[in-house]
Amino acid sequence: MNYYEHHIGDYDSATAHLSVLEDGIYSRLLRVYYRTERPIPADLKQVCRLVRASSKAERDAVSAVLEEFFVLADDGWHNERCDSEIARYADGEPEREIKKANESNRLKRHREERARLFKLLTDAGQHAPWNVSMSELRELVKRHLQPLPATAPATPATATQTPDTRHQTPKEEIGRATASTVGARSRDESPDTTGHQPTPAGLACRAMKAKGLAQVNPGDPRLLALIAQGATVEEFEGIAEEAVAKGKGFAWVLTVLASRREEAAQLRLAPTQQQLDAQDPEAWTRNWTQVEDRALNLGMNRWNAADALTGRGMTRGQYLAEVKRRLAAKEQTA
């Protein structure tokens, strides 16, 4: 444990009768207890060494504090409050790991979105300050990257135009109206209704509409960028279905799809542990968790810092050397 709650009121009421020396010894014993997450060793000489008690007065203070605040058991001196706090800490470890992973993912997505928005602005010939907020950055992208209208605006009539006085039959009027209606339709309609092959963006938008997404835009530059990167209709369909279930819109689909494709690309590019080991065979020796994992696989116990301090166990260097020796022996017999 690197942290524990120190309740000042509880501590003061329980230790008000202690001398300055005894109070200091008690504090050191508590820190050792929480740091090692195990009872204080039963051997008094070892305890004195752990809390750096060298004089007779200091050793007497150690004995007095142990007798008053700790209970001796087979595995050492126990403190009820410490045992309770350590157990509570251990119970919350999985939740802390999940929160840590979620926070890392959130920060990763934030950085990736920020980089993507800056790139969109740069590609459009625009620039933003490095410390611009995310809300301002999104607004800048929205302002400068508005998609072009699907059809060019009609040329306004002028006073110099000569009116067409030719008479048309009802049949001609119907044909003209039909042609006008087809021209005004969205580009995401299918070939059998427009007579034209739809664009990839149109196909993607039609698929999202089929999943219930009402508002789509085949001219959105983010959509076009995703299609250029190889995004498939099936990908758009799947995330559109999620969006409808969650009450999200078209922009959410584009953001989520871009994020997932980037994460997938990074996973494909990330080297495996076997590749990393091949690049640097000694890398695991600089990660103590990996050292102890290998030691456990070899039938060894975890390294004991308290035993190392008292000379009853291996130092950190000796422990690592023994792990390497056993690994080499195992490889030779394999």
Protein backbone atom coordinates (compact mmCIF):
# COMPACT_ATOMS: atom_id res chain seq x y z
CA MET A 1 0.00 0.00 0.00
CA ASN A 2 1.30 3.44 -0.93
CA TYR A 3 -1.51 5.24 0.90
CA TYR A 4 -3.65 4.76 3.98
CA GLU A 5 -6.17 6.96 5.80
CA HIS A 6 -4.78 8.58 8.93
CA HIS A 7 -7.67 9.61 11.18
CA ILE A 8 -6.12 12.32 13.33
CA GLY A 9 -8.82 12.32 16.02
CA ASP A 10 -8.72 8.55 16.49
CA TYR A 11 -4.94 8.50 16.55
CA ASP A 12 -4.60 11.37 19.05
CA SER A 13 -7.16 9.92 21.45
CA ALA A 14 -5.40 6.53 21.39
CA THR A 15 -1.84 7.87 21.72
CA ALA A 16 -2.20 10.97 23.91
CA HIS A 17 -0.38 9.23 26.80
CA LEU A 18 2.66 8.21 24.71
CA SER A 19 6.00 9.96 24.93
CA VAL A 20 7.44 11.66 21.88
CA LEU A 21 9.75 8.68 21.37
CA GLU A 22 6.96 6.11 21.69
CA ASP A 23 4.74 8.11 19.33
CA GLY A 24 7.48 8.15 16.71
CA ILE A 25 8.10 4.41 17.07
CA TYR A 26 4.37 3.69 16.72
CA SER A 27 4.17 5.78 13.52
CA ARG A 28 7.13 3.92 12.04
CA LEU A 29 5.60 0.55 12.90
CA LEU A 30 2.35 1.54 11.20
CA ARG A 31 4.19 2.60 8.04
CA VAL A 32 6.09 -0.70 7.94
CA TYR A 33 2.83 -2.61 8.44
CA TYR A 34 1.01 -0.84 5.61
CA ARG A 35 3.99 -0.83 3.24
CA THR A 36 4.62 -4.57 3.56
CA GLU A 37 0.90 -5.42 3.99
CA ARG A 38 1.81 -8.04 6.59
CA PRO A 39 2.20 -8.28 10.39
CA ILE A 40 5.28 -6.92 12.16
CA PRO A 41 7.90 -9.70 12.53
CA ALA A 42 7.82 -11.55 15.85
CA ASP A 43 11.59 -11.19 16.42
CA LEU A 44 12.24 -8.06 18.50
CA LYS A 45 15.72 -7.50 17.06
CA GLN A 46 14.32 -7.58 13.55
CA VAL A 47 11.59 -5.10 14.53
CA CYS A 48 14.14 -2.71 16.01
CA ARG A 49 16.15 -2.89 12.81
CA LEU A 50 13.06 -2.17 10.68
CA VAL A 51 12.20 0.98 12.65
CA ARG A 52 15.87 1.96 13.17
CA ALA A 53 15.71 1.73 16.98
CA SER A 54 19.32 1.48 18.16
CA SER A 55 19.53 2.97 21.66
CA LYS A 56 18.19 1.26 24.79
CA ALA A 57 15.47 3.91 25.18
CA GLU A 58 14.35 3.35 21.58
CA ARG A 59 14.32 -0.45 21.97
CA ASP A 60 12.31 -0.11 25.18
CA ALA A 61 9.84 2.11 23.30
CA VAL A 62 9.48 -0.57 20.62
CA SER A 63 8.65 -3.19 23.25
CA ALA A 64 6.16 -0.91 25.01
CA VAL A 65 4.33 0.01 21.78
CA LEU A 66 4.17 -3.61 20.59
CA GLU A 67 2.74 -4.78 23.89
CA GLU A 68 0.10 -2.04 23.96
CA PHE A 69 -1.07 -1.74 20.34
CA PHE A 70 -0.27 -5.12 18.76
CA VAL A 71 -1.12 -8.77 19.43
CA LEU A 72 1.51 -11.47 18.92
CA ALA A 73 0.42 -14.42 16.74
CA ASP A 74 2.26 -17.22 14.97
CA ASP A 75 3.09 -15.05 11.96
CA GLY A 76 4.03 -11.88 13.90
CA TRP A 77 2.58 -8.85 15.66
CA HIS A 78 -0.94 -8.00 14.43
CA ASN A 79 -2.77 -4.68 14.65
CA GLU A 80 -6.54 -4.94 14.24
CA ARG A 81 -6.96 -1.59 12.49
CA CYS A 82 -4.11 -2.28 10.07
CA ASP A 83 -5.45 -5.73 9.19
CA SER A 84 -8.90 -4.23 8.51
CA GLU A 85 -7.52 -1.43 6.29
CA ILE A 86 -5.32 -3.84 4.31
CA ALA A 87 -8.26 -6.20 3.74
CA ARG A 88 -10.42 -3.29 2.57
CA TYR A 89 -7.64 -2.15 0.24
CA ALA A 90 -7.29 -5.64 -1.24
CA ASP A 91 -11.06 -5.88 -1.83
CA GLY A 92 -10.99 -2.63 -3.80
CA GLU A 93 -7.96 -3.50 -5.95
CA PRO A 94 -9.94 -4.84 -8.96
CA GLU A 95 -12.17 -1.76 -8.98
CA ARG A 96 -9.10 0.53 -8.87
CA GLU A 97 -7.55 -1.32 -11.79
CA ILE A 98 -10.76 -0.95 -13.82
CA LYS A 99 -10.97 2.78 -13.03
CA LYS A 100 -7.34 3.21 -13.98
CA ALA A 101 -7.87 1.41 -17.28
CA ASN A 102 -11.04 3.43 -18.03
CA GLU A 103 -9.25 6.69 -17.29
CA SER A 104 -6.35 5.68 -19.54
CA ASN A 105 -8.77 4.84 -22.35
CA ARG A 106 -10.62 8.13 -21.86
CA LEU A 107 -7.39 10.15 -22.04
CA LYS A 108 -6.27 8.16 -25.08
CA ARG A 109 -9.53 8.87 -26.91
CA HIS A 110 -9.29 12.55 -25.92
CA ARG A 111 -5.76 12.84 -27.35
CA GLU A 112 -6.70 10.97 -30.52
CA GLU A 113 -9.76 13.15 -31.13
CA ARG A 114 -7.74 16.31 -30.51
CA ALA A 115 -5.04 15.20 -32.98
CA ARG A 116 -7.67 14.29 -35.57
CA LEU A 117 -9.44 17.67 -35.26
CA PHE A 118 -6.16 19.58 -35.56
CA LYS A 119 -5.32 17.58 -38.70
CA LEU A 120 -8.72 18.33 -40.25
CA LEU A 121 -8.18 22.04 -39.65
CA THR A 122 -4.63 21.93 -41.03
CA ASP A 123 -5.74 20.05 -44.14
CA ALA A 124 -8.39 22.72 -44.67
CA GLY A 125 -5.74 25.48 -44.44
CA GLN A 126 -6.84 26.63 -40.99
CA HIS A 127 -4.87 26.83 -37.76
CA ALA A 128 -5.79 26.84 -34.06
CA PRO A 129 -3.75 27.70 -30.93
CA TRP A 130 -2.08 24.67 -29.31
CA ASN A 131 -3.94 25.30 -26.03
CA VAL A 132 -7.42 25.74 -27.51
CA SER A 133 -10.14 23.97 -25.54
CA MET A 134 -11.87 20.91 -27.00
CA SER A 135 -15.23 22.69 -27.26
CA GLU A 136 -13.61 25.57 -29.18
CA LEU A 137 -11.68 23.13 -31.37
CA ARG A 138 -14.84 21.23 -32.27
CA GLU A 139 -16.59 24.52 -33.07
CA LEU A 140 -13.72 25.58 -35.36
CA VAL A 141 -13.88 22.30 -37.26
CA LYS A 142 -17.65 22.61 -37.55
CA ARG A 143 -17.36 26.19 -38.80
CA HIS A 144 -14.63 25.66 -41.39
CA LEU A 145 -15.53 22.17 -42.60
CA GLN A 146 -19.24 22.59 -43.34
CA PRO A 147 -20.09 20.22 -46.24
CA LEU A 148 -20.94 21.76 -49.62
CA PRO A 149 -24.61 21.66 -50.74
CA ALA A 150 -25.56 18.57 -52.71
CA THR A 151 -26.63 20.65 -55.73
CA ALA A 152 -25.44 24.03 -56.95
CA PRO A 153 -27.86 26.92 -56.31
CA ALA A 154 -30.03 27.85 -59.26
CA THR A 155 -28.90 30.85 -61.34
CA PRO A 156 -31.22 33.77 -60.54
CA ALA A 157 -33.37 35.07 -63.34
CA THR A 158 -32.50 38.44 -64.84
CA ALA A 159 -34.61 41.09 -66.46
CA THR A 160 -32.89 40.57 -69.85
CA GLN A 161 -34.10 36.98 -70.26
CA THR A 162 -36.65 36.38 -72.98
CA PRO A 163 -39.69 34.52 -71.70
CA ASP A 164 -40.40 31.13 -73.26
CA THR A 165 -43.80 31.46 -74.91
CA ARG A 166 -43.94 27.94 -76.30
CA HIS A 167 -46.98 25.95 -75.25
CA GLN A 168 -46.46 22.54 -73.64
CA THR A 169 -48.85 19.66 -73.51
CA PRO A 170 -49.86 18.17 -70.11
CA LYS A 171 -47.69 15.13 -70.90
CA GLU A 172 -44.62 17.37 -71.38
CA GLU A 173 -45.33 19.18 -68.10
CA ILE A 174 -45.50 15.87 -66.21
CA GLY A 175 -42.21 14.70 -67.74
CA ARG A 176 -40.56 17.97 -66.83
CA ALA A 177 -41.79 17.82 -63.25
CA THR A 178 -40.55 14.24 -62.89
CA ALA A 179 -37.07 15.17 -64.12
CA SER A 180 -36.94 18.11 -61.71
CA THR A 181 -37.93 15.91 -58.78
CA VAL A 182 -35.29 13.29 -59.57
CA GLY A 183 -32.59 15.96 -59.80
CA ALA A 184 -33.46 17.27 -56.34
CA ARG A 185 -33.29 13.88 -54.61
CA SER A 186 -30.50 13.08 -52.20
CA ARG A 187 -27.45 11.28 -53.56
CA ASP A 188 -27.91 8.39 -51.13
CA GLU A 189 -30.95 6.94 -52.98
CA SER A 190 -30.61 3.61 -54.76
CA PRO A 191 -30.03 3.22 -58.53
CA ASP A 192 -33.51 1.81 -59.12
CA THR A 193 -35.18 5.06 -58.00
CA THR A 194 -32.74 7.64 -59.41
CA GLY A 195 -31.31 5.85 -62.42
CA HIS A 196 -27.75 6.63 -61.23
CA GLN A 197 -25.18 4.51 -59.41
CA PRO A 198 -24.92 5.77 -55.78
CA THR A 199 -21.56 6.95 -54.43
CA PRO A 200 -19.83 5.01 -51.61
CA ALA A 201 -20.92 7.79 -49.25
CA GLY A 202 -24.47 7.43 -50.53
CA LEU A 203 -24.42 3.68 -49.92
CA ALA A 204 -23.16 4.21 -46.37
CA CYS A 205 -25.85 6.82 -45.66
CA ARG A 206 -28.57 4.62 -47.13
CA ALA A 207 -27.42 1.73 -44.87
CA MET A 208 -27.48 3.97 -41.79
CA LYS A 209 -30.96 5.23 -42.67
CA ALA A 210 -32.13 1.64 -42.98
CA LYS A 211 -31.02 1.11 -39.37
CA GLY A 212 -33.20 4.04 -38.25
CA LEU A 213 -30.74 6.94 -38.32
CA ALA A 214 -32.87 9.80 -39.60
CA GLN A 215 -30.33 12.56 -40.33
CA VAL A 216 -27.28 11.68 -42.48
CA ASN A 217 -25.03 13.71 -44.75
CA PRO A 218 -23.16 12.03 -47.63
CA GLY A 219 -21.03 15.16 -48.09
CA ASP A 220 -19.63 15.24 -44.55
CA PRO A 221 -15.79 15.36 -44.80
CA ARG A 222 -15.44 13.02 -41.80
CA LEU A 223 -17.61 10.43 -43.57
CA LEU A 224 -15.60 10.81 -46.78
CA ALA A 225 -12.33 10.47 -44.85
CA LEU A 226 -13.50 7.24 -43.19
CA ILE A 227 -14.55 5.77 -46.54
CA ALA A 228 -11.18 6.76 -48.04
CA GLN A 229 -9.52 4.87 -45.16
CA GLY A 230 -11.46 1.72 -46.04
CA ALA A 231 -14.51 1.85 -43.73
CA THR A 232 -17.17 -0.57 -44.95
CA VAL A 233 -20.94 -0.31 -45.17
CA GLU A 234 -21.19 -3.04 -42.53
CA GLU A 235 -19.18 -0.92 -40.09
CA PHE A 236 -21.48 2.05 -40.60
CA GLU A 237 -24.53 -0.18 -40.20
CA GLY A 238 -23.34 -1.70 -36.94
CA ILE A 239 -22.53 1.60 -35.24
CA ALA A 240 -25.67 3.25 -36.62
CA GLU A 241 -27.69 0.52 -34.90
CA GLU A 242 -25.87 1.30 -31.63
CA ALA A 243 -26.53 5.01 -32.13
CA VAL A 244 -30.26 4.52 -32.59
CA ALA A 245 -30.44 2.32 -29.46
CA LYS A 246 -28.63 4.99 -27.43
CA GLY A 247 -30.45 7.96 -28.91
CA LYS A 248 -27.31 9.27 -30.63
CA GLY A 249 -26.96 10.87 -34.04
CA PHE A 250 -24.89 10.89 -37.22
CA ALA A 251 -21.92 12.75 -35.68
CA TRP A 252 -21.68 10.15 -32.89
CA VAL A 253 -21.49 7.35 -35.48
CA LEU A 254 -18.59 9.04 -37.27
CA THR A 255 -16.69 9.77 -34.04
CA VAL A 256 -17.10 6.25 -32.65
CA LEU A 257 -16.19 4.56 -35.92
CA ALA A 258 -13.05 6.69 -36.32
CA SER A 259 -12.01 5.93 -32.73
CA ARG A 260 -12.55 2.18 -33.08
CA ARG A 261 -10.67 1.98 -36.35
CA GLU A 262 -7.73 3.84 -34.82
CA GLU A 263 -7.69 1.54 -31.80
CA ALA A 264 -7.82 -1.52 -34.04
CA ALA A 265 -4.95 -0.19 -36.15
CA GLN A 266 -2.83 0.42 -33.04
CA LEU A 267 -3.54 -3.10 -31.78
CA ARG A 268 -2.39 -4.53 -35.11
CA LEU A 269 0.79 -2.45 -35.00
CA ALA A 270 1.58 -3.14 -31.33
CA PRO A 271 4.42 -5.69 -31.00
CA THR A 272 3.74 -8.91 -29.13
CA GLN A 273 5.57 -9.76 -25.91
CA GLN A 274 7.54 -12.38 -27.85
CA GLN A 275 8.67 -9.73 -30.36
CA LEU A 276 9.64 -7.35 -27.56
CA ASP A 277 11.65 -10.09 -25.84
CA ALA A 278 13.44 -10.81 -29.12
CA GLN A 279 14.32 -7.13 -29.52
CA ASP A 280 15.58 -6.79 -25.93
CA PRO A 281 16.08 -10.14 -24.15
CA GLU A 282 16.89 -8.37 -20.87
CA ALA A 283 13.82 -6.09 -20.86
CA TRP A 284 11.97 -8.28 -18.35
CA THR A 285 14.76 -7.81 -15.78
CA ARG A 286 13.84 -4.12 -15.54
CA ASN A 287 10.20 -4.89 -14.70
CA TRP A 288 9.96 -6.36 -11.20
CA THR A 289 6.47 -7.74 -11.78
CA GLN A 290 7.80 -9.78 -14.71
CA VAL A 291 10.78 -10.90 -12.61
CA GLU A 292 8.52 -12.23 -9.87
CA ASP A 293 6.14 -13.81 -12.41
CA ARG A 294 9.03 -15.77 -13.87
CA ALA A 295 10.20 -16.68 -10.37
CA LEU A 296 6.77 -18.07 -9.46
CA ASN A 297 6.72 -20.13 -12.66
CA LEU A 298 10.07 -21.57 -11.60
CA GLY A 299 8.73 -22.59 -8.18
CA MET A 300 10.26 -19.68 -6.22
CA ASN A 301 8.48 -17.41 -3.74
CA ARG A 302 8.04 -13.69 -4.20
CA TRP A 303 10.95 -11.53 -3.07
CA ASN A 304 10.66 -10.58 0.63
CA ALA A 305 11.94 -7.07 1.37
CA ALA A 306 11.75 -7.55 5.15
CA ASP A 307 13.85 -10.73 5.01
CA ALA A 308 16.38 -8.96 2.82
CA LEU A 309 16.70 -6.12 5.33
CA THR A 310 17.40 -8.50 8.20
CA GLY A 311 19.80 -10.68 6.22
CA ARG A 312 17.49 -13.71 6.36
CA GLY A 313 16.68 -13.60 2.66
CA MET A 314 18.17 -12.69 -0.69
CA THR A 315 18.79 -9.11 -1.71
CA ARG A 316 17.02 -7.83 -4.80
CA GLY A 317 20.12 -8.41 -6.92
CA GLN A 318 20.63 -11.94 -5.56
CA TYR A 319 16.98 -12.76 -6.20
CA LEU A 320 17.23 -11.60 -9.83
CA ALA A 321 20.46 -13.55 -10.33
CA GLU A 322 18.82 -16.71 -8.98
CA VAL A 323 15.83 -16.29 -11.33
CA LYS A 324 18.18 -15.88 -14.31
CA ARG A 325 20.21 -18.91 -13.21
CA ARG A 326 17.12 -21.10 -12.99
CA LEU A 327 15.82 -19.87 -16.34
CA ALA A 328 19.14 -20.71 -18.01
CA ALA A 329 19.11 -24.17 -16.43
CA LYS A 330 15.53 -24.75 -17.61
CA GLU A 331 16.44 -23.72 -21.19
CA GLN A 332 19.39 -26.13 -21.23
CA THR A 333 17.22 -29.07 -20.18
CA ALA A 334 14.40 -28.18 -22.59
